[in-house]
Amino acid sequence: SFTDEERANWRAEGEAAVALPEPQAPVEEDSDDFDFFGSDDGDDEAALAEIAELRKKTEKKKPLERSNVCIGVNPLSVDTDMSELEDHCRSITMEGLDWKASVVEEV
């Protein structure tokens, strides 16, 4: 399905796709202000504190994830006490579960 010309343009296994430039030796700067003993004048701590403060500002607060669940409960008979049935349903407790309004409708 490929022509010989197209196959000739394919690179051989292990051959680099793009010729990479040769690495150069790092340029040394002639500087006399290098601190051989590692004394700390607090610049690093201030920079780290500034970075931490910027991260706190840029962090977006995640919205609370909530779900609304509607439970339909049908009585077995006309004589069923709906307020007692509601109390039994509300006795269910789970982490993050908040019972809100309830509606009793005639069926």
PDB file of N, CA and C in Angstrom:
ATOM      1  N   SER A   1       0.808  -1.188   0.000  1.00  0.00           N
ATOM      2  CA  SER A   1       0.000   0.000   0.000  1.00  0.00           C
ATOM      3  C   SER A   1       0.858   1.260   0.000  1.00  0.00           C
ATOM      4  N   PHE A   2       2.154   1.167   0.362  1.00  0.00           N
ATOM      5  CA  PHE A   2       3.052   2.305   0.332  1.00  0.00           C
ATOM      6  C   PHE A   2       4.009   2.147  -0.853  1.00  0.00           C
ATOM      7  N   THR A   3       4.388   3.272  -1.427  1.00  0.00           N
ATOM      8  CA  THR A   3       5.313   3.220  -2.556  1.00  0.00           C
ATOM      9  C   THR A   3       6.732   3.080  -2.032  1.00  0.00           C
ATOM     10  N   ASP A   4       7.640   2.718  -2.926  1.00  0.00           N
ATOM     11  CA  ASP A   4       9.045   2.578  -2.526  1.00  0.00           C
ATOM     12  C   ASP A   4       9.618   3.914  -2.086  1.00  0.00           C
ATOM     13  N   GLU A   5       9.172   4.997  -2.709  1.00  0.00           N
ATOM     14  CA  GLU A   5       9.656   6.326  -2.348  1.00  0.00           C
ATOM     15  C   GLU A   5       9.223   6.695  -0.923  1.00  0.00           C
ATOM     16  N   GLU A   6       7.962   6.353  -0.566  1.00  0.00           N
ATOM     17  CA  GLU A   6       7.476   6.630   0.791  1.00  0.00           C
ATOM     18  C   GLU A   6       8.217   5.793   1.816  1.00  0.00           C
ATOM     19  N   ARG A   7       8.495   4.558   1.481  1.00  0.00           N
ATOM     20  CA  ARG A   7       9.231   3.687   2.403  1.00  0.00           C
ATOM     21  C   ARG A   7      10.661   4.162   2.598  1.00  0.00           C
ATOM     22  N   ALA A   8      11.264   4.755   1.579  1.00  0.00           N
ATOM     23  CA  ALA A   8      12.639   5.243   1.673  1.00  0.00           C
ATOM     24  C   ALA A   8      12.723   6.422   2.637  1.00  0.00           C
ATOM     25  N   ASN A   9      11.630   7.171   2.795  1.00  0.00           N
ATOM     26  CA  ASN A   9      11.625   8.323   3.700  1.00  0.00           C
ATOM     27  C   ASN A   9      11.445   7.922   5.163  1.00  0.00           C
ATOM     28  N   TRP A  10      11.071   6.683   5.407  1.00  0.00           N
ATOM     29  CA  TRP A  10      10.919   6.235   6.792  1.00  0.00           C
ATOM     30  C   TRP A  10      12.280   6.167   7.443  1.00  0.00           C
ATOM     31  N   ARG A  11      12.306   6.439   8.712  1.00  0.00           N
ATOM     32  CA  ARG A  11      13.589   6.359   9.420  1.00  0.00           C
ATOM     33  C   ARG A  11      13.804   4.933   9.910  1.00  0.00           C
ATOM     34  N   ALA A  12      15.065   4.542   9.966  1.00  0.00           N
ATOM     35  CA  ALA A  12      15.406   3.199  10.413  1.00  0.00           C
ATOM     36  C   ALA A  12      15.235   3.108  11.921  1.00  0.00           C
ATOM     37  N   GLU A  13      15.082   1.890  12.411  1.00  0.00           N
ATOM     38  CA  GLU A  13      14.904   1.684  13.849  1.00  0.00           C
ATOM     39  C   GLU A  13      16.136   2.168  14.590  1.00  0.00           C
ATOM     40  N   GLY A  14      15.929   2.963  15.623  1.00  0.00           N
ATOM     41  CA  GLY A  14      17.031   3.492  16.417  1.00  0.00           C
ATOM     42  C   GLY A  14      17.551   4.812  15.887  1.00  0.00           C
ATOM     43  N   GLU A  15      17.129   5.235  14.710  1.00  0.00           N
ATOM     44  CA  GLU A  15      17.578   6.491  14.126  1.00  0.00           C
ATOM     45  C   GLU A  15      16.756   7.627  14.725  1.00  0.00           C
ATOM     46  N   ALA A  16      17.409   8.713  15.054  1.00  0.00           N
ATOM     47  CA  ALA A  16      16.724   9.858  15.645  1.00  0.00           C
ATOM     48  C   ALA A  16      15.861  10.538  14.592  1.00  0.00           C
ATOM     49  N   ALA A  17      14.689  11.001  14.988  1.00  0.00           N
ATOM     50  CA  ALA A  17      13.779  11.651  14.060  1.00  0.00           C
ATOM     51  C   ALA A  17      14.312  13.016  13.637  1.00  0.00           C
ATOM     52  N   VAL A  18      14.933  13.726  14.552  1.00  0.00           N
ATOM     53  CA  VAL A  18      15.476  15.049  14.273  1.00  0.00           C
ATOM     54  C   VAL A  18      16.908  15.070  14.783  1.00  0.00           C
ATOM     55  N   ALA A  19      17.797  15.651  14.007  1.00  0.00           N
ATOM     56  CA  ALA A  19      19.186  15.743  14.437  1.00  0.00           C
ATOM     57  C   ALA A  19      19.276  16.697  15.614  1.00  0.00           C
ATOM     58  N   LEU A  20      19.802  16.221  16.722  1.00  0.00           N
ATOM     59  CA  LEU A  20      19.917  17.029  17.924  1.00  0.00           C
ATOM     60  C   LEU A  20      21.254  17.753  17.930  1.00  0.00           C
ATOM     61  N   PRO A  21      21.301  19.002  18.382  1.00  0.00           N
ATOM     62  CA  PRO A  21      22.578  19.724  18.443  1.00  0.00           C
ATOM     63  C   PRO A  21      23.465  19.112  19.523  1.00  0.00           C
ATOM     64  N   GLU A  22      24.736  19.236  19.312  1.00  0.00           N
ATOM     65  CA  GLU A  22      25.704  18.726  20.281  1.00  0.00           C
ATOM     66  C   GLU A  22      25.629  19.564  21.552  1.00  0.00           C
ATOM     67  N   PRO A  23      25.691  18.919  22.723  1.00  0.00           N
ATOM     68  CA  PRO A  23      25.652  19.689  23.975  1.00  0.00           C
ATOM     69  C   PRO A  23      26.893  20.556  24.108  1.00  0.00           C
ATOM     70  N   GLN A  24      26.694  21.751  24.617  1.00  0.00           N
ATOM     71  CA  GLN A  24      27.809  22.678  24.785  1.00  0.00           C
ATOM     72  C   GLN A  24      28.228  22.711  26.242  1.00  0.00           C
ATOM     73  N   ALA A  25      29.482  22.974  26.450  1.00  0.00           N
ATOM     74  CA  ALA A  25      30.004  23.084  27.815  1.00  0.00           C
ATOM     75  C   ALA A  25      29.434  24.345  28.449  1.00  0.00           C
ATOM     76  N   PRO A  26      29.082  24.301  29.739  1.00  0.00           N
ATOM     77  CA  PRO A  26      28.543  25.484  30.395  1.00  0.00           C
ATOM     78  C   PRO A  26      29.577  26.600  30.463  1.00  0.00           C
ATOM     79  N   VAL A  27      29.105  27.812  30.313  1.00  0.00           N
ATOM     80  CA  VAL A  27      29.982  28.974  30.365  1.00  0.00           C
ATOM     81  C   VAL A  27      30.175  29.351  31.825  1.00  0.00           C
ATOM     82  N   GLU A  28      31.426  29.472  32.227  1.00  0.00           N
ATOM     83  CA  GLU A  28      31.728  29.829  33.604  1.00  0.00           C
ATOM     84  C   GLU A  28      31.812  31.343  33.724  1.00  0.00           C
ATOM     85  N   GLU A  29      31.151  31.858  34.736  1.00  0.00           N
ATOM     86  CA  GLU A  29      31.204  33.293  34.982  1.00  0.00           C
ATOM     87  C   GLU A  29      32.266  33.560  36.031  1.00  0.00           C
ATOM     88  N   ASP A  30      32.990  34.615  35.830  1.00  0.00           N
ATOM     89  CA  ASP A  30      34.018  34.995  36.793  1.00  0.00           C
ATOM     90  C   ASP A  30      33.354  35.875  37.846  1.00  0.00           C
ATOM     91  N   SER A  31      33.022  35.256  38.979  1.00  0.00           N
ATOM     92  CA  SER A  31      32.306  35.981  40.012  1.00  0.00           C
ATOM     93  C   SER A  31      32.995  35.766  41.349  1.00  0.00           C
ATOM     94  N   ASP A  32      33.166  36.879  42.070  1.00  0.00           N
ATOM     95  CA  ASP A  32      33.808  36.803  43.381  1.00  0.00           C
ATOM     96  C   ASP A  32      32.794  36.781  44.513  1.00  0.00           C
ATOM     97  N   ASP A  33      31.493  36.852  44.211  1.00  0.00           N
ATOM     98  CA  ASP A  33      30.496  36.919  45.272  1.00  0.00           C
ATOM     99  C   ASP A  33      29.937  35.557  45.649  1.00  0.00           C
ATOM    100  N   PHE A  34      30.584  34.467  45.268  1.00  0.00           N
ATOM    101  CA  PHE A  34      30.142  33.138  45.654  1.00  0.00           C
ATOM    102  C   PHE A  34      30.434  32.900  47.117  1.00  0.00           C
ATOM    103  N   ASP A  35      29.458  32.419  47.851  1.00  0.00           N
ATOM    104  CA  ASP A  35      29.596  32.185  49.283  1.00  0.00           C
ATOM    105  C   ASP A  35      29.983  30.729  49.514  1.00  0.00           C
ATOM    106  N   PHE A  36      31.242  30.503  49.843  1.00  0.00           N
ATOM    107  CA  PHE A  36      31.750  29.145  50.023  1.00  0.00           C
ATOM    108  C   PHE A  36      31.234  28.487  51.303  1.00  0.00           C
ATOM    109  N   PHE A  37      30.861  29.275  52.301  1.00  0.00           N
ATOM    110  CA  PHE A  37      30.466  28.718  53.584  1.00  0.00           C
ATOM    111  C   PHE A  37      28.952  28.587  53.732  1.00  0.00           C
ATOM    112  N   GLY A  38      28.199  29.013  52.748  1.00  0.00           N
ATOM    113  CA  GLY A  38      26.754  28.807  52.756  1.00  0.00           C
ATOM    114  C   GLY A  38      26.011  29.624  53.779  1.00  0.00           C
ATOM    115  N   SER A  39      26.471  30.827  54.074  1.00  0.00           N
ATOM    116  CA  SER A  39      25.729  31.645  55.026  1.00  0.00           C
ATOM    117  C   SER A  39      24.414  32.048  54.391  1.00  0.00           C
ATOM    118  N   ASP A  40      23.384  32.082  55.202  1.00  0.00           N
ATOM    119  CA  ASP A  40      22.043  32.352  54.709  1.00  0.00           C
ATOM    120  C   ASP A  40      21.620  33.734  55.170  1.00  0.00           C
ATOM    121  N   ASP A  41      21.290  34.581  54.214  1.00  0.00           N
ATOM    122  CA  ASP A  41      20.864  35.923  54.583  1.00  0.00           C
ATOM    123  C   ASP A  41      19.345  36.080  54.520  1.00  0.00           C
ATOM    124  N   GLY A  42      18.594  34.957  54.377  1.00  0.00           N
ATOM    125  CA  GLY A  42      17.142  34.985  54.463  1.00  0.00           C
ATOM    126  C   GLY A  42      16.441  35.194  53.134  1.00  0.00           C
ATOM    127  N   ASP A  43      17.167  35.365  52.052  1.00  0.00           N
ATOM    128  CA  ASP A  43      16.527  35.581  50.756  1.00  0.00           C
ATOM    129  C   ASP A  43      15.713  34.364  50.330  1.00  0.00           C
ATOM    130  N   ASP A  44      16.249  33.168  50.572  1.00  0.00           N
ATOM    131  CA  ASP A  44      15.553  31.955  50.175  1.00  0.00           C
ATOM    132  C   ASP A  44      14.254  31.777  50.955  1.00  0.00           C
ATOM    133  N   GLU A  45      14.288  32.031  52.233  1.00  0.00           N
ATOM    134  CA  GLU A  45      13.099  31.880  53.062  1.00  0.00           C
ATOM    135  C   GLU A  45      12.015  32.871  52.651  1.00  0.00           C
ATOM    136  N   ALA A  46      12.409  34.081  52.327  1.00  0.00           N
ATOM    137  CA  ALA A  46      11.440  35.087  51.896  1.00  0.00           C
ATOM    138  C   ALA A  46      10.824  34.689  50.559  1.00  0.00           C
ATOM    139  N   ALA A  47      11.640  34.159  49.670  1.00  0.00           N
ATOM    140  CA  ALA A  47      11.137  33.728  48.364  1.00  0.00           C
ATOM    141  C   ALA A  47      10.172  32.555  48.518  1.00  0.00           C
ATOM    142  N   LEU A  48      10.522  31.608  49.391  1.00  0.00           N
ATOM    143  CA  LEU A  48       9.636  30.471  49.620  1.00  0.00           C
ATOM    144  C   LEU A  48       8.317  30.905  50.246  1.00  0.00           C
ATOM    145  N   ALA A  49       8.368  31.836  51.148  1.00  0.00           N
ATOM    146  CA  ALA A  49       7.147  32.341  51.777  1.00  0.00           C
ATOM    147  C   ALA A  49       6.276  33.052  50.741  1.00  0.00           C
ATOM    148  N   GLU A  50       6.918  33.802  49.843  1.00  0.00           N
ATOM    149  CA  GLU A  50       6.167  34.506  48.800  1.00  0.00           C
ATOM    150  C   GLU A  50       5.498  33.516  47.843  1.00  0.00           C
ATOM    151  N   ILE A  51       6.217  32.463  47.494  1.00  0.00           N
ATOM    152  CA  ILE A  51       5.660  31.436  46.616  1.00  0.00           C
ATOM    153  C   ILE A  51       4.475  30.753  47.281  1.00  0.00           C
ATOM    154  N   ALA A  52       4.596  30.417  48.551  1.00  0.00           N
ATOM    155  CA  ALA A  52       3.511  29.771  49.283  1.00  0.00           C
ATOM    156  C   ALA A  52       2.284  30.684  49.352  1.00  0.00           C
ATOM    157  N   GLU A  53       2.510  31.971  49.550  1.00  0.00           N
ATOM    158  CA  GLU A  53       1.398  32.921  49.616  1.00  0.00           C
ATOM    159  C   GLU A  53       0.697  33.035  48.265  1.00  0.00           C
ATOM    160  N   LEU A  54       1.473  33.043  47.185  1.00  0.00           N
ATOM    161  CA  LEU A  54       0.876  33.108  45.846  1.00  0.00           C
ATOM    162  C   LEU A  54       0.072  31.854  45.534  1.00  0.00           C
ATOM    163  N   ARG A  55       0.562  30.700  45.969  1.00  0.00           N
ATOM    164  CA  ARG A  55      -0.178  29.453  45.753  1.00  0.00           C
ATOM    165  C   ARG A  55      -1.512  29.479  46.478  1.00  0.00           C
ATOM    166  N   LYS A  56      -1.514  30.001  47.702  1.00  0.00           N
ATOM    167  CA  LYS A  56      -2.760  30.071  48.467  1.00  0.00           C
ATOM    168  C   LYS A  56      -3.765  30.981  47.775  1.00  0.00           C
ATOM    169  N   LYS A  57      -3.281  32.081  47.208  1.00  0.00           N
ATOM    170  CA  LYS A  57      -4.178  33.022  46.540  1.00  0.00           C
ATOM    171  C   LYS A  57      -4.754  32.432  45.263  1.00  0.00           C
ATOM    172  N   THR A  58      -3.937  31.670  44.540  1.00  0.00           N
ATOM    173  CA  THR A  58      -4.380  31.153  43.247  1.00  0.00           C
ATOM    174  C   THR A  58      -5.181  29.867  43.359  1.00  0.00           C
ATOM    175  N   GLU A  59      -5.146  29.204  44.499  1.00  0.00           N
ATOM    176  CA  GLU A  59      -5.920  27.973  44.669  1.00  0.00           C
ATOM    177  C   GLU A  59      -7.401  28.305  44.617  1.00  0.00           C
ATOM    178  N   LYS A  60      -8.110  27.567  43.808  1.00  0.00           N
ATOM    179  CA  LYS A  60      -9.550  27.750  43.742  1.00  0.00           C
ATOM    180  C   LYS A  60     -10.201  26.813  44.741  1.00  0.00           C
ATOM    181  N   LYS A  61     -11.145  27.349  45.480  1.00  0.00           N
ATOM    182  CA  LYS A  61     -11.846  26.515  46.445  1.00  0.00           C
ATOM    183  C   LYS A  61     -12.842  25.648  45.701  1.00  0.00           C
ATOM    184  N   LYS A  62     -12.848  24.389  46.044  1.00  0.00           N
ATOM    185  CA  LYS A  62     -13.778  23.463  45.413  1.00  0.00           C
ATOM    186  C   LYS A  62     -15.168  23.679  46.001  1.00  0.00           C
ATOM    187  N   PRO A  63     -16.171  23.734  45.160  1.00  0.00           N
ATOM    188  CA  PRO A  63     -17.527  23.870  45.694  1.00  0.00           C
ATOM    189  C   PRO A  63     -17.948  22.582  46.394  1.00  0.00           C
ATOM    190  N   LEU A  64     -18.797  22.733  47.371  1.00  0.00           N
ATOM    191  CA  LEU A  64     -19.295  21.560  48.078  1.00  0.00           C
ATOM    192  C   LEU A  64     -20.124  20.722  47.126  1.00  0.00           C
ATOM    193  N   GLU A  65     -19.866  19.448  47.127  1.00  0.00           N
ATOM    194  CA  GLU A  65     -20.615  18.557  46.258  1.00  0.00           C
ATOM    195  C   GLU A  65     -21.816  18.029  47.032  1.00  0.00           C
ATOM    196  N   ARG A  66     -22.985  18.278  46.482  1.00  0.00           N
ATOM    197  CA  ARG A  66     -24.215  17.881  47.154  1.00  0.00           C
ATOM    198  C   ARG A  66     -25.105  17.147  46.178  1.00  0.00           C
ATOM    199  N   SER A  67     -25.916  16.292  46.726  1.00  0.00           N
ATOM    200  CA  SER A  67     -26.911  15.578  45.936  1.00  0.00           C
ATOM    201  C   SER A  67     -28.249  15.681  46.643  1.00  0.00           C
ATOM    202  N   ASN A  68     -29.276  15.874  45.872  1.00  0.00           N
ATOM    203  CA  ASN A  68     -30.637  15.853  46.412  1.00  0.00           C
ATOM    204  C   ASN A  68     -31.233  14.486  46.127  1.00  0.00           C
ATOM    205  N   VAL A  69     -31.740  13.856  47.157  1.00  0.00           N
ATOM    206  CA  VAL A  69     -32.347  12.536  47.014  1.00  0.00           C
ATOM    207  C   VAL A  69     -33.799  12.640  47.458  1.00  0.00           C
ATOM    208  N   CYS A  70     -34.675  12.246  46.582  1.00  0.00           N
ATOM    209  CA  CYS A  70     -36.108  12.230  46.912  1.00  0.00           C
ATOM    210  C   CYS A  70     -36.528  10.777  47.122  1.00  0.00           C
ATOM    211  N   ILE A  71     -37.107  10.500  48.272  1.00  0.00           N
ATOM    212  CA  ILE A  71     -37.538   9.146  48.592  1.00  0.00           C
ATOM    213  C   ILE A  71     -39.064   9.134  48.588  1.00  0.00           C
ATOM    214  N   GLY A  72     -39.634   8.288  47.758  1.00  0.00           N
ATOM    215  CA  GLY A  72     -41.085   8.140  47.729  1.00  0.00           C
ATOM    216  C   GLY A  72     -41.479   6.941  48.574  1.00  0.00           C
ATOM    217  N   VAL A  73     -42.250   7.168  49.620  1.00  0.00           N
ATOM    218  CA  VAL A  73     -42.673   6.092  50.518  1.00  0.00           C
ATOM    219  C   VAL A  73     -44.180   5.979  50.427  1.00  0.00           C
ATOM    220  N   ASN A  74     -44.660   4.812  50.070  1.00  0.00           N
ATOM    221  CA  ASN A  74     -46.100   4.577  49.975  1.00  0.00           C
ATOM    222  C   ASN A  74     -46.548   3.710  51.158  1.00  0.00           C
ATOM    223  N   PRO A  75     -47.648   4.087  51.802  1.00  0.00           N
ATOM    224  CA  PRO A  75     -48.138   3.290  52.932  1.00  0.00           C
ATOM    225  C   PRO A  75     -48.722   1.969  52.440  1.00  0.00           C
ATOM    226  N   LEU A  76     -48.670   0.964  53.332  1.00  0.00           N
ATOM    227  CA  LEU A  76     -49.240  -0.338  52.987  1.00  0.00           C
ATOM    228  C   LEU A  76     -50.765  -0.320  53.060  1.00  0.00           C
ATOM    229  N   SER A  77     -51.271   0.497  53.960  1.00  0.00           N
ATOM    230  CA  SER A  77     -52.733   0.568  54.087  1.00  0.00           C
ATOM    231  C   SER A  77     -53.135   1.996  54.440  1.00  0.00           C
ATOM    232  N   VAL A  78     -54.400   2.238  54.470  1.00  0.00           N
ATOM    233  CA  VAL A  78     -54.932   3.554  54.799  1.00  0.00           C
ATOM    234  C   VAL A  78     -54.698   3.876  56.269  1.00  0.00           C
ATOM    235  N   ASP A  79     -54.567   2.844  57.096  1.00  0.00           N
ATOM    236  CA  ASP A  79     -54.416   3.020  58.538  1.00  0.00           C
ATOM    237  C   ASP A  79     -52.986   3.347  58.958  1.00  0.00           C
ATOM    238  N   THR A  80     -52.031   3.367  58.052  1.00  0.00           N
ATOM    239  CA  THR A  80     -50.627   3.621  58.389  1.00  0.00           C
ATOM    240  C   THR A  80     -50.457   5.064  58.839  1.00  0.00           C
ATOM    241  N   ASP A  81     -49.800   5.235  59.980  1.00  0.00           N
ATOM    242  CA  ASP A  81     -49.556   6.572  60.526  1.00  0.00           C
ATOM    243  C   ASP A  81     -48.354   7.169  59.782  1.00  0.00           C
ATOM    244  N   MET A  82     -48.598   8.187  58.965  1.00  0.00           N
ATOM    245  CA  MET A  82     -47.551   8.757  58.119  1.00  0.00           C
ATOM    246  C   MET A  82     -46.502   9.520  58.930  1.00  0.00           C
ATOM    247  N   SER A  83     -46.891  10.161  60.026  1.00  0.00           N
ATOM    248  CA  SER A  83     -45.913  10.881  60.843  1.00  0.00           C
ATOM    249  C   SER A  83     -44.958   9.898  61.514  1.00  0.00           C
ATOM    250  N   GLU A  84     -45.461   8.744  61.938  1.00  0.00           N
ATOM    251  CA  GLU A  84     -44.602   7.721  62.532  1.00  0.00           C
ATOM    252  C   GLU A  84     -43.661   7.146  61.470  1.00  0.00           C
ATOM    253  N   LEU A  85     -44.187   6.955  60.262  1.00  0.00           N
ATOM    254  CA  LEU A  85     -43.370   6.455  59.162  1.00  0.00           C
ATOM    255  C   LEU A  85     -42.264   7.455  58.812  1.00  0.00           C
ATOM    256  N   GLU A  86     -42.605   8.741  58.840  1.00  0.00           N
ATOM    257  CA  GLU A  86     -41.604   9.785  58.592  1.00  0.00           C
ATOM    258  C   GLU A  86     -40.523   9.776  59.671  1.00  0.00           C
ATOM    259  N   ASP A  87     -40.923   9.609  60.920  1.00  0.00           N
ATOM    260  CA  ASP A  87     -39.949   9.542  62.021  1.00  0.00           C
ATOM    261  C   ASP A  87     -38.989   8.368  61.831  1.00  0.00           C
ATOM    262  N   HIS A  88     -39.514   7.231  61.378  1.00  0.00           N
ATOM    263  CA  HIS A  88     -38.655   6.068  61.137  1.00  0.00           C
ATOM    264  C   HIS A  88     -37.669   6.356  59.995  1.00  0.00           C
ATOM    265  N   CYS A  89     -38.162   7.012  58.954  1.00  0.00           N
ATOM    266  CA  CYS A  89     -37.270   7.343  57.825  1.00  0.00           C
ATOM    267  C   CYS A  89     -36.190   8.325  58.255  1.00  0.00           C
ATOM    268  N   ARG A  90     -36.555   9.317  59.052  1.00  0.00           N
ATOM    269  CA  ARG A  90     -35.589  10.318  59.504  1.00  0.00           C
ATOM    270  C   ARG A  90     -34.607   9.770  60.544  1.00  0.00           C
ATOM    271  N   SER A  91     -34.886   8.589  61.091  1.00  0.00           N
ATOM    272  CA  SER A  91     -33.959   7.996  62.065  1.00  0.00           C
ATOM    273  C   SER A  91     -32.695   7.461  61.378  1.00  0.00           C
ATOM    274  N   ILE A  92     -32.717   7.384  60.049  1.00  0.00           N
ATOM    275  CA  ILE A  92     -31.527   6.951  59.305  1.00  0.00           C
ATOM    276  C   ILE A  92     -30.489   8.062  59.382  1.00  0.00           C
ATOM    277  N   THR A  93     -29.298   7.733  59.845  1.00  0.00           N
ATOM    278  CA  THR A  93     -28.232   8.728  59.953  1.00  0.00           C
ATOM    279  C   THR A  93     -26.999   8.227  59.205  1.00  0.00           C
ATOM    280  N   MET A  94     -26.388   9.142  58.473  1.00  0.00           N
ATOM    281  CA  MET A  94     -25.155   8.867  57.743  1.00  0.00           C
ATOM    282  C   MET A  94     -24.313  10.138  57.757  1.00  0.00           C
ATOM    283  N   GLU A  95     -23.033   9.980  57.508  1.00  0.00           N
ATOM    284  CA  GLU A  95     -22.149  11.133  57.455  1.00  0.00           C
ATOM    285  C   GLU A  95     -22.534  12.010  56.261  1.00  0.00           C
ATOM    286  N   GLY A  96     -22.754  13.292  56.514  1.00  0.00           N
ATOM    287  CA  GLY A  96     -23.107  14.230  55.462  1.00  0.00           C
ATOM    288  C   GLY A  96     -24.570  14.236  55.084  1.00  0.00           C
ATOM    289  N   LEU A  97     -25.399  13.429  55.740  1.00  0.00           N
ATOM    290  CA  LEU A  97     -26.824  13.361  55.422  1.00  0.00           C
ATOM    291  C   LEU A  97     -27.585  14.359  56.280  1.00  0.00           C
ATOM    292  N   ASP A  98     -28.264  15.284  55.612  1.00  0.00           N
ATOM    293  CA  ASP A  98     -29.105  16.259  56.301  1.00  0.00           C
ATOM    294  C   ASP A  98     -30.520  16.104  55.775  1.00  0.00           C
ATOM    295  N   TRP A  99     -31.446  15.853  56.687  1.00  0.00           N
ATOM    296  CA  TRP A  99     -32.845  15.740  56.294  1.00  0.00           C
ATOM    297  C   TRP A  99     -33.421  17.133  56.192  1.00  0.00           C
ATOM    298  N   LYS A 100     -34.095  17.401  55.095  1.00  0.00           N
ATOM    299  CA  LYS A 100     -34.715  18.713  54.883  1.00  0.00           C
ATOM    300  C   LYS A 100     -36.229  18.541  54.914  1.00  0.00           C
ATOM    301  N   ALA A 101     -36.931  19.273  54.104  1.00  0.00           N
ATOM    302  CA  ALA A 101     -38.403  19.304  54.113  1.00  0.00           C
ATOM    303  C   ALA A 101     -38.994  17.974  53.677  1.00  0.00           C
ATOM    304  N   SER A 102     -40.217  17.718  54.146  1.00  0.00           N
ATOM    305  CA  SER A 102     -40.943  16.540  53.725  1.00  0.00           C
ATOM    306  C   SER A 102     -42.371  16.948  53.382  1.00  0.00           C
ATOM    307  N   VAL A 103     -42.966  16.209  52.463  1.00  0.00           N
ATOM    308  CA  VAL A 103     -44.307  16.520  52.015  1.00  0.00           C
ATOM    309  C   VAL A 103     -45.138  15.232  52.087  1.00  0.00           C
ATOM    310  N   VAL A 104     -46.315  15.326  52.698  1.00  0.00           N
ATOM    311  CA  VAL A 104     -47.231  14.197  52.738  1.00  0.00           C
ATOM    312  C   VAL A 104     -48.374  14.505  51.773  1.00  0.00           C
ATOM    313  N   GLU A 105     -48.525  13.652  50.770  1.00  0.00           N
ATOM    314  CA  GLU A 105     -49.553  13.887  49.769  1.00  0.00           C
ATOM    315  C   GLU A 105     -50.556  12.726  49.778  1.00  0.00           C
ATOM    316  N   GLU A 106     -51.788  13.057  49.482  1.00  0.00           N
ATOM    317  CA  GLU A 106     -52.821  12.022  49.372  1.00  0.00           C
ATOM    318  C   GLU A 106     -52.608  11.246  48.089  1.00  0.00           C
ATOM    319  N   VAL A 107     -52.762   9.938  48.187  1.00  0.00           N
ATOM    320  CA  VAL A 107     -52.589   9.079  47.011  1.00  0.00           C
ATOM    321  C   VAL A 107     -53.939   8.572  46.542  1.00  0.00           C
TER     322      VAL A 107
END
